[in-house]
PDB file of N, CA and C in Angstrom:
ATOM      1  N   MET A   1    -151.440 -12.259-299.740  1.00  0.00           N
ATOM      2  CA  MET A   1    -151.432 -12.904-298.437  1.00  0.00           C
ATOM      3  C   MET A   1    -152.349 -14.116-298.445  1.00  0.00           C
ATOM      4  N   PRO A   2    -151.883 -15.175-297.862  1.00  0.00           N
ATOM      5  CA  PRO A   2    -152.734 -16.364-297.823  1.00  0.00           C
ATOM      6  C   PRO A   2    -153.898 -16.163-296.852  1.00  0.00           C
ATOM      7  N   GLU A   3    -154.988 -16.807-297.212  1.00  0.00           N
ATOM      8  CA  GLU A   3    -156.166 -16.737-296.339  1.00  0.00           C
ATOM      9  C   GLU A   3    -155.898 -17.499-295.053  1.00  0.00           C
ATOM     10  N   SER A   4    -156.403 -16.952-293.960  1.00  0.00           N
ATOM     11  CA  SER A   4    -156.247 -17.684-292.688  1.00  0.00           C
ATOM     12  C   SER A   4    -157.241 -18.840-292.677  1.00  0.00           C
ATOM     13  N   ARG A   5    -156.768 -19.930-292.187  1.00  0.00           N
ATOM     14  CA  ARG A   5    -157.619 -21.119-292.132  1.00  0.00           C
ATOM     15  C   ARG A   5    -158.443 -21.085-290.849  1.00  0.00           C
ATOM     16  N   GLN A   6    -159.714 -20.924-291.020  1.00  0.00           N
ATOM     17  CA  GLN A   6    -160.614 -20.923-289.874  1.00  0.00           C
ATOM     18  C   GLN A   6    -161.421 -22.208-289.903  1.00  0.00           C
ATOM     19  N   LYS A   7    -161.549 -22.786-288.731  1.00  0.00           N
ATOM     20  CA  LYS A   7    -162.343 -23.999-288.643  1.00  0.00           C
ATOM     21  C   LYS A   7    -163.820 -23.635-288.666  1.00  0.00           C
ATOM     22  N   THR A   8    -164.563 -24.406-289.403  1.00  0.00           N
ATOM     23  CA  THR A   8    -166.003 -24.184-289.401  1.00  0.00           C
ATOM     24  C   THR A   8    -166.576 -24.780-288.112  1.00  0.00           C
ATOM     25  N   PRO A   9    -167.557 -24.126-287.517  1.00  0.00           N
ATOM     26  CA  PRO A   9    -168.119 -24.660-286.277  1.00  0.00           C
ATOM     27  C   PRO A   9    -168.817 -25.996-286.531  1.00  0.00           C
ATOM     28  N   LEU A  10    -168.675 -26.881-285.557  1.00  0.00           N
ATOM     29  CA  LEU A  10    -169.301 -28.188-285.673  1.00  0.00           C
ATOM     30  C   LEU A  10    -170.794 -28.082-285.408  1.00  0.00           C
ATOM     31  N   PRO A  11    -171.585 -28.903-286.078  1.00  0.00           N
ATOM     32  CA  PRO A  11    -173.004 -28.945-285.732  1.00  0.00           C
ATOM     33  C   PRO A  11    -173.160 -29.435-284.289  1.00  0.00           C
ATOM     34  N   PRO A  12    -174.265 -29.066-283.623  1.00  0.00           N
ATOM     35  CA  PRO A  12    -174.430 -29.449-282.219  1.00  0.00           C
ATOM     36  C   PRO A  12    -174.326 -30.947-281.962  1.00  0.00           C
ATOM     37  N   ASP A  13    -174.762 -31.785-282.903  1.00  0.00           N
ATOM     38  CA  ASP A  13    -174.720 -33.222-282.666  1.00  0.00           C
ATOM     39  C   ASP A  13    -173.317 -33.804-282.832  1.00  0.00           C
ATOM     40  N   GLU A  14    -172.365 -33.042-283.345  1.00  0.00           N
ATOM     41  CA  GLU A  14    -171.001 -33.537-283.517  1.00  0.00           C
ATOM     42  C   GLU A  14    -170.001 -32.828-282.600  1.00  0.00           C
ATOM     43  N   ASN A  15    -170.484 -32.021-281.691  1.00  0.00           N
ATOM     44  CA  ASN A  15    -169.605 -31.270-280.809  1.00  0.00           C
ATOM     45  C   ASN A  15    -169.145 -32.166-279.652  1.00  0.00           C
ATOM     46  N   PRO A  16    -167.872 -32.493-279.569  1.00  0.00           N
ATOM     47  CA  PRO A  16    -167.409 -33.388-278.512  1.00  0.00           C
ATOM     48  C   PRO A  16    -167.490 -32.752-277.124  1.00  0.00           C
ATOM     49  N   TRP A  17    -167.416 -31.434-277.030  1.00  0.00           N
ATOM     50  CA  TRP A  17    -167.506 -30.776-275.722  1.00  0.00           C
ATOM     51  C   TRP A  17    -168.915 -30.891-275.155  1.00  0.00           C
ATOM     52  N   ARG A  18    -169.895 -30.847-276.012  1.00  0.00           N
ATOM     53  CA  ARG A  18    -171.276 -31.002-275.546  1.00  0.00           C
ATOM     54  C   ARG A  18    -171.502 -32.419-275.025  1.00  0.00           C
ATOM     55  N   ALA A  19    -170.964 -33.398-275.710  1.00  0.00           N
ATOM     56  CA  ALA A  19    -171.091 -34.785-275.260  1.00  0.00           C
ATOM     57  C   ALA A  19    -170.343 -35.003-273.941  1.00  0.00           C
ATOM     58  N   ALA A  20    -169.164 -34.403-273.818  1.00  0.00           N
ATOM     59  CA  ALA A  20    -168.409 -34.525-272.570  1.00  0.00           C
ATOM     60  C   ALA A  20    -169.156 -33.851-271.419  1.00  0.00           C
ATOM     61  N   GLY A  21    -169.788 -32.734-271.692  1.00  0.00           N
ATOM     62  CA  GLY A  21    -170.585 -32.058-270.676  1.00  0.00           C
ATOM     63  C   GLY A  21    -171.751 -32.898-270.220  1.00  0.00           C
ATOM     64  N   LEU A  22    -172.393 -33.587-271.153  1.00  0.00           N
ATOM     65  CA  LEU A  22    -173.512 -34.466-270.809  1.00  0.00           C
ATOM     66  C   LEU A  22    -173.053 -35.605-269.912  1.00  0.00           C
ATOM     67  N   VAL A  23    -171.963 -36.246-270.273  1.00  0.00           N
ATOM     68  CA  VAL A  23    -171.449 -37.369-269.482  1.00  0.00           C
ATOM     69  C   VAL A  23    -171.060 -36.900-268.084  1.00  0.00           C
ATOM     70  N   THR A  24    -170.421 -35.757-267.991  1.00  0.00           N
ATOM     71  CA  THR A  24    -170.033 -35.215-266.693  1.00  0.00           C
ATOM     72  C   THR A  24    -171.259 -34.876-265.854  1.00  0.00           C
ATOM     73  N   ALA A  25    -172.250 -34.249-266.466  1.00  0.00           N
ATOM     74  CA  ALA A  25    -173.466 -33.880-265.740  1.00  0.00           C
ATOM     75  C   ALA A  25    -174.195 -35.110-265.218  1.00  0.00           C
ATOM     76  N   ILE A  26    -174.251 -36.161-266.010  1.00  0.00           N
ATOM     77  CA  ILE A  26    -174.918 -37.384-265.569  1.00  0.00           C
ATOM     78  C   ILE A  26    -174.178 -37.980-264.379  1.00  0.00           C
ATOM     79  N   GLY A  27    -172.868 -38.041-264.444  1.00  0.00           N
ATOM     80  CA  GLY A  27    -172.095 -38.591-263.337  1.00  0.00           C
ATOM     81  C   GLY A  27    -172.243 -37.790-262.057  1.00  0.00           C
ATOM     82  N   VAL A  28    -172.196 -36.478-262.182  1.00  0.00           N
ATOM     83  CA  VAL A  28    -172.326 -35.620-260.999  1.00  0.00           C
ATOM     84  C   VAL A  28    -173.723 -35.745-260.406  1.00  0.00           C
ATOM     85  N   GLU A  29    -174.744 -35.731-261.241  1.00  0.00           N
ATOM     86  CA  GLU A  29    -176.106 -35.836-260.733  1.00  0.00           C
ATOM     87  C   GLU A  29    -176.347 -37.164-260.037  1.00  0.00           C
ATOM     88  N   LEU A  30    -175.862 -38.247-260.617  1.00  0.00           N
ATOM     89  CA  LEU A  30    -176.020 -39.554-259.963  1.00  0.00           C
ATOM     90  C   LEU A  30    -175.319 -39.575-258.607  1.00  0.00           C
ATOM     91  N   ALA A  31    -174.102 -39.071-258.560  1.00  0.00           N
ATOM     92  CA  ALA A  31    -173.351 -39.067-257.307  1.00  0.00           C
ATOM     93  C   ALA A  31    -174.033 -38.205-256.251  1.00  0.00           C
ATOM     94  N   VAL A  32    -174.510 -37.036-256.640  1.00  0.00           N
ATOM     95  CA  VAL A  32    -175.163 -36.145-255.680  1.00  0.00           C
ATOM     96  C   VAL A  32    -176.465 -36.756-255.184  1.00  0.00           C
ATOM     97  N   CYS A  33    -177.269 -37.302-256.076  1.00  0.00           N
ATOM     98  CA  CYS A  33    -178.547 -37.894-255.660  1.00  0.00           C
ATOM     99  C   CYS A  33    -178.340 -39.078-254.727  1.00  0.00           C
ATOM    100  N   VAL A  34    -177.429 -39.958-255.066  1.00  0.00           N
ATOM    101  CA  VAL A  34    -177.170 -41.124-254.209  1.00  0.00           C
ATOM    102  C   VAL A  34    -176.576 -40.683-252.876  1.00  0.00           C
ATOM    103  N   GLY A  35    -175.636 -39.761-252.900  1.00  0.00           N
ATOM    104  CA  GLY A  35    -175.031 -39.268-251.663  1.00  0.00           C
ATOM    105  C   GLY A  35    -176.038 -38.564-250.774  1.00  0.00           C
ATOM    106  N   LEU A  36    -176.894 -37.759-251.367  1.00  0.00           N
ATOM    107  CA  LEU A  36    -177.917 -37.060-250.592  1.00  0.00           C
ATOM    108  C   LEU A  36    -178.927 -38.040-250.005  1.00  0.00           C
ATOM    109  N   GLY A  37    -179.311 -39.037-250.786  1.00  0.00           N
ATOM    110  CA  GLY A  37    -180.233 -40.061-250.274  1.00  0.00           C
ATOM    111  C   GLY A  37    -179.624 -40.822-249.109  1.00  0.00           C
ATOM    112  N   TRP A  38    -178.363 -41.187-249.234  1.00  0.00           N
ATOM    113  CA  TRP A  38    -177.677 -41.891-248.135  1.00  0.00           C
ATOM    114  C   TRP A  38    -177.605 -41.009-246.897  1.00  0.00           C
ATOM    115  N   TRP A  39    -177.258 -39.732-247.086  1.00  0.00           N
ATOM    116  CA  TRP A  39    -177.121 -38.817-245.954  1.00  0.00           C
ATOM    117  C   TRP A  39    -178.454 -38.620-245.232  1.00  0.00           C
ATOM    118  N   ILE A  40    -179.532 -38.417-245.992  1.00  0.00           N
ATOM    119  CA  ILE A  40    -180.845 -38.241-245.368  1.00  0.00           C
ATOM    120  C   ILE A  40    -181.246 -39.513-244.633  1.00  0.00           C
ATOM    121  N   GLY A  41    -181.017 -40.678-245.227  1.00  0.00           N
ATOM    122  CA  GLY A  41    -181.321 -41.943-244.548  1.00  0.00           C
ATOM    123  C   GLY A  41    -180.501 -42.123-243.283  1.00  0.00           C
ATOM    124  N   SER A  42    -179.245 -41.718-243.315  1.00  0.00           N
ATOM    125  CA  SER A  42    -178.387 -41.824-242.128  1.00  0.00           C
ATOM    126  C   SER A  42    -178.870 -40.910-241.009  1.00  0.00           C
ATOM    127  N   VAL A  43    -179.317 -39.713-241.371  1.00  0.00           N
ATOM    128  CA  VAL A  43    -179.852 -38.794-240.369  1.00  0.00           C
ATOM    129  C   VAL A  43    -181.119 -39.370-239.735  1.00  0.00           C
ATOM    130  N   VAL A  44    -181.977 -39.938-240.539  1.00  0.00           N
ATOM    131  CA  VAL A  44    -183.196 -40.569-240.014  1.00  0.00           C
ATOM    132  C   VAL A  44    -182.823 -41.732-239.099  1.00  0.00           C
ATOM    133  N   ASP A  45    -181.860 -42.547-239.501  1.00  0.00           N
ATOM    134  CA  ASP A  45    -181.404 -43.655-238.658  1.00  0.00           C
ATOM    135  C   ASP A  45    -180.866 -43.149-237.323  1.00  0.00           C
ATOM    136  N   ARG A  46    -180.038 -42.128-237.366  1.00  0.00           N
ATOM    137  CA  ARG A  46    -179.433 -41.604-236.144  1.00  0.00           C
ATOM    138  C   ARG A  46    -180.499 -41.054-235.198  1.00  0.00           C
ATOM    139  N   ASN A  47    -181.490 -40.354-235.744  1.00  0.00           N
ATOM    140  CA  ASN A  47    -182.519 -39.737-234.907  1.00  0.00           C
ATOM    141  C   ASN A  47    -183.527 -40.740-234.363  1.00  0.00           C
ATOM    142  N   ASN A  48    -183.749 -41.837-235.065  1.00  0.00           N
ATOM    143  CA  ASN A  48    -184.760 -42.812-234.647  1.00  0.00           C
ATOM    144  C   ASN A  48    -184.167 -44.072-234.040  1.00  0.00           C
ATOM    145  N   GLY A  49    -182.859 -44.202-234.035  1.00  0.00           N
ATOM    146  CA  GLY A  49    -182.223 -45.393-233.489  1.00  0.00           C
ATOM    147  C   GLY A  49    -182.428 -46.625-234.351  1.00  0.00           C
ATOM    148  N   THR A  50    -182.636 -46.415-235.633  1.00  0.00           N
ATOM    149  CA  THR A  50    -182.815 -47.544-236.549  1.00  0.00           C
ATOM    150  C   THR A  50    -181.522 -47.769-237.330  1.00  0.00           C
ATOM    151  N   SER A  51    -181.535 -48.795-238.168  1.00  0.00           N
ATOM    152  CA  SER A  51    -180.318 -49.060-238.938  1.00  0.00           C
ATOM    153  C   SER A  51    -180.595 -49.444-240.388  1.00  0.00           C
ATOM    154  N   SER A  52    -181.765 -49.121-240.915  1.00  0.00           N
ATOM    155  CA  SER A  52    -182.055 -49.533-242.291  1.00  0.00           C
ATOM    156  C   SER A  52    -182.493 -48.383-243.197  1.00  0.00           C
ATOM    157  N   TRP A  53    -182.746 -47.216-242.669  1.00  0.00           N
ATOM    158  CA  TRP A  53    -183.221 -46.124-243.502  1.00  0.00           C
ATOM    159  C   TRP A  53    -182.145 -45.605-244.460  1.00  0.00           C
ATOM    160  N   TYR A  54    -180.889 -45.789-244.123  1.00  0.00           N
ATOM    161  CA  TYR A  54    -179.837 -45.344-245.049  1.00  0.00           C
ATOM    162  C   TYR A  54    -179.938 -46.086-246.371  1.00  0.00           C
ATOM    163  N   MET A  55    -180.345 -47.375-246.306  1.00  0.00           N
ATOM    164  CA  MET A  55    -180.490 -48.169-247.533  1.00  0.00           C
ATOM    165  C   MET A  55    -181.685 -47.678-248.348  1.00  0.00           C
ATOM    166  N   VAL A  56    -182.748 -47.314-247.681  1.00  0.00           N
ATOM    167  CA  VAL A  56    -183.911 -46.750-248.376  1.00  0.00           C
ATOM    168  C   VAL A  56    -183.500 -45.447-249.065  1.00  0.00           C
ATOM    169  N   GLY A  57    -182.730 -44.621-248.353  1.00  0.00           N
ATOM    170  CA  GLY A  57    -182.249 -43.379-248.943  1.00  0.00           C
ATOM    171  C   GLY A  57    -181.370 -43.616-250.158  1.00  0.00           C
ATOM    172  N   LEU A  58    -180.512 -44.624-250.077  1.00  0.00           N
ATOM    173  CA  LEU A  58    -179.662 -44.961-251.228  1.00  0.00           C
ATOM    174  C   LEU A  58    -180.498 -45.337-252.446  1.00  0.00           C
ATOM    175  N   VAL A  59    -181.485 -46.179-252.236  1.00  0.00           N
ATOM    176  CA  VAL A  59    -182.318 -46.639-253.354  1.00  0.00           C
ATOM    177  C   VAL A  59    -183.116 -45.476-253.941  1.00  0.00           C
ATOM    178  N   LEU A  60    -183.715 -44.655-253.061  1.00  0.00           N
ATOM    179  CA  LEU A  60    -184.474 -43.506-253.559  1.00  0.00           C
ATOM    180  C   LEU A  60    -183.560 -42.520-254.277  1.00  0.00           C
ATOM    181  N   GLY A  61    -182.358 -42.318-253.774  1.00  0.00           N
ATOM    182  CA  GLY A  61    -181.401 -41.442-254.440  1.00  0.00           C
ATOM    183  C   GLY A  61    -180.998 -41.981-255.799  1.00  0.00           C
ATOM    184  N   LEU A  62    -180.807 -43.291-255.886  1.00  0.00           N
ATOM    185  CA  LEU A  62    -180.458 -43.907-257.165  1.00  0.00           C
ATOM    186  C   LEU A  62    -181.596 -43.751-258.168  1.00  0.00           C
ATOM    187  N   ILE A  63    -182.829 -43.950-257.713  1.00  0.00           N
ATOM    188  CA  ILE A  63    -183.984 -43.783-258.602  1.00  0.00           C
ATOM    189  C   ILE A  63    -184.085 -42.342-259.077  1.00  0.00           C
ATOM    190  N   ALA A  64    -183.892 -41.388-258.158  1.00  0.00           N
ATOM    191  CA  ALA A  64    -183.941 -39.974-258.543  1.00  0.00           C
ATOM    192  C   ALA A  64    -182.811 -39.638-259.518  1.00  0.00           C
ATOM    193  N   GLY A  65    -181.626 -40.177-259.285  1.00  0.00           N
ATOM    194  CA  GLY A  65    -180.499 -39.926-260.175  1.00  0.00           C
ATOM    195  C   GLY A  65    -180.719 -40.493-261.565  1.00  0.00           C
ATOM    196  N   ILE A  66    -181.283 -41.675-261.641  1.00  0.00           N
ATOM    197  CA  ILE A  66    -181.562 -42.278-262.946  1.00  0.00           C
ATOM    198  C   ILE A  66    -182.627 -41.468-263.681  1.00  0.00           C
ATOM    199  N   GLY A  67    -183.659 -41.037-262.960  1.00  0.00           N
ATOM    200  CA  GLY A  67    -184.692 -40.208-263.578  1.00  0.00           C
ATOM    201  C   GLY A  67    -184.118 -38.908-264.107  1.00  0.00           C
ATOM    202  N   SER A  68    -183.233 -38.307-263.345  1.00  0.00           N
ATOM    203  CA  SER A  68    -182.595 -37.070-263.767  1.00  0.00           C
ATOM    204  C   SER A  68    -181.703 -37.309-264.989  1.00  0.00           C
ATOM    205  N   ALA A  69    -180.989 -38.414-264.999  1.00  0.00           N
ATOM    206  CA  ALA A  69    -180.132 -38.744-266.140  1.00  0.00           C
ATOM    207  C   ALA A  69    -180.960 -38.962-267.405  1.00  0.00           C
ATOM    208  N   VAL A  70    -182.090 -39.629-267.262  1.00  0.00           N
ATOM    209  CA  VAL A  70    -182.964 -39.836-268.419  1.00  0.00           C
ATOM    210  C   VAL A  70    -183.460 -38.496-268.952  1.00  0.00           C
ATOM    211  N   GLY A  71    -183.811 -37.588-268.036  1.00  0.00           N
ATOM    212  CA  GLY A  71    -184.240 -36.260-268.461  1.00  0.00           C
ATOM    213  C   GLY A  71    -183.152 -35.503-269.201  1.00  0.00           C
ATOM    214  N   LEU A  72    -181.923 -35.593-268.697  1.00  0.00           N
ATOM    215  CA  LEU A  72    -180.802 -34.936-269.384  1.00  0.00           C
ATOM    216  C   LEU A  72    -180.569 -35.520-270.772  1.00  0.00           C
ATOM    217  N   ILE A  73    -180.640 -36.824-270.874  1.00  0.00           N
ATOM    218  CA  ILE A  73    -180.422 -37.472-272.172  1.00  0.00           C
ATOM    219  C   ILE A  73    -181.512 -37.072-273.153  1.00  0.00           C
ATOM    220  N   ARG A  74    -182.759 -37.023-272.676  1.00  0.00           N
ATOM    221  CA  ARG A  74    -183.852 -36.599-273.565  1.00  0.00           C
ATOM    222  C   ARG A  74    -183.647 -35.166-274.036  1.00  0.00           C
ATOM    223  N   LYS A  75    -183.231 -34.303-273.117  1.00  0.00           N
ATOM    224  CA  LYS A  75    -182.995 -32.906-273.484  1.00  0.00           C
ATOM    225  C   LYS A  75    -181.853 -32.814-274.500  1.00  0.00           C
ATOM    226  N   TYR A  76    -180.793 -33.577-274.296  1.00  0.00           N
ATOM    227  CA  TYR A  76    -179.658 -33.593-275.231  1.00  0.00           C
ATOM    228  C   TYR A  76    -180.102 -34.123-276.591  1.00  0.00           C
ATOM    229  N   ALA A  77    -180.880 -35.200-276.590  1.00  0.00           N
ATOM    230  CA  ALA A  77    -181.308 -35.808-277.844  1.00  0.00           C
ATOM    231  C   ALA A  77    -182.257 -34.886-278.609  1.00  0.00           C
ATOM    232  N   SER A  78    -183.129 -34.191-277.919  1.00  0.00           N
ATOM    233  CA  SER A  78    -184.046 -33.287-278.615  1.00  0.00           C
ATOM    234  C   SER A  78    -183.301 -32.089-279.187  1.00  0.00           C
ATOM    235  N   GLY A  79    -182.209 -31.691-278.541  1.00  0.00           N
ATOM    236  CA  GLY A  79    -181.394 -30.593-279.062  1.00  0.00           C
ATOM    237  C   GLY A  79    -180.678 -30.988-280.332  1.00  0.00           C
ATOM    238  N   GLU A  80    -180.391 -32.265-280.499  1.00  0.00           N
ATOM    239  CA  GLU A  80    -179.701 -32.721-281.714  1.00  0.00           C
ATOM    240  C   GLU A  80    -180.628 -32.728-282.912  1.00  0.00           C
ATOM    241  N   ARG A  81    -181.914 -32.919-282.698  1.00  0.00           N
ATOM    242  CA  ARG A  81    -182.853 -33.006-283.813  1.00  0.00           C
ATOM    243  C   ARG A  81    -183.122 -31.635-284.424  1.00  0.00           C
ATOM    244  N   ARG A  82    -182.985 -30.587-283.623  1.00  0.00           N
ATOM    245  CA  ARG A  82    -183.220 -29.250-284.148  1.00  0.00           C
ATOM    246  C   ARG A  82    -182.057 -28.821-285.040  1.00  0.00           C
ATOM    247  N   LYS A  83    -182.344 -28.166-286.108  1.00  0.00           N
ATOM    248  CA  LYS A  83    -181.293 -27.713-287.005  1.00  0.00           C
ATOM    249  C   LYS A  83    -181.433 -26.264-287.305  1.00  0.00           C
TER     250      LYS A  83
END
């Protein structure tokens, strides 16, 4: 009987599913942070009768999202160095 051909597992740094997961996580985190910042700013605007806090919320959400993305990338990169 012929041997069954089994694929050898890919090393973590060559796994395309892990890379796709990272890209998806970064996109979701950025969207959630920016959306949450906008929503909180809009609530502050509505309660105080102002019209500029939504922009502050957007910027703070973007900064938080970028910081989170950098953290994810660092975690992904450090996982690749381990063997």
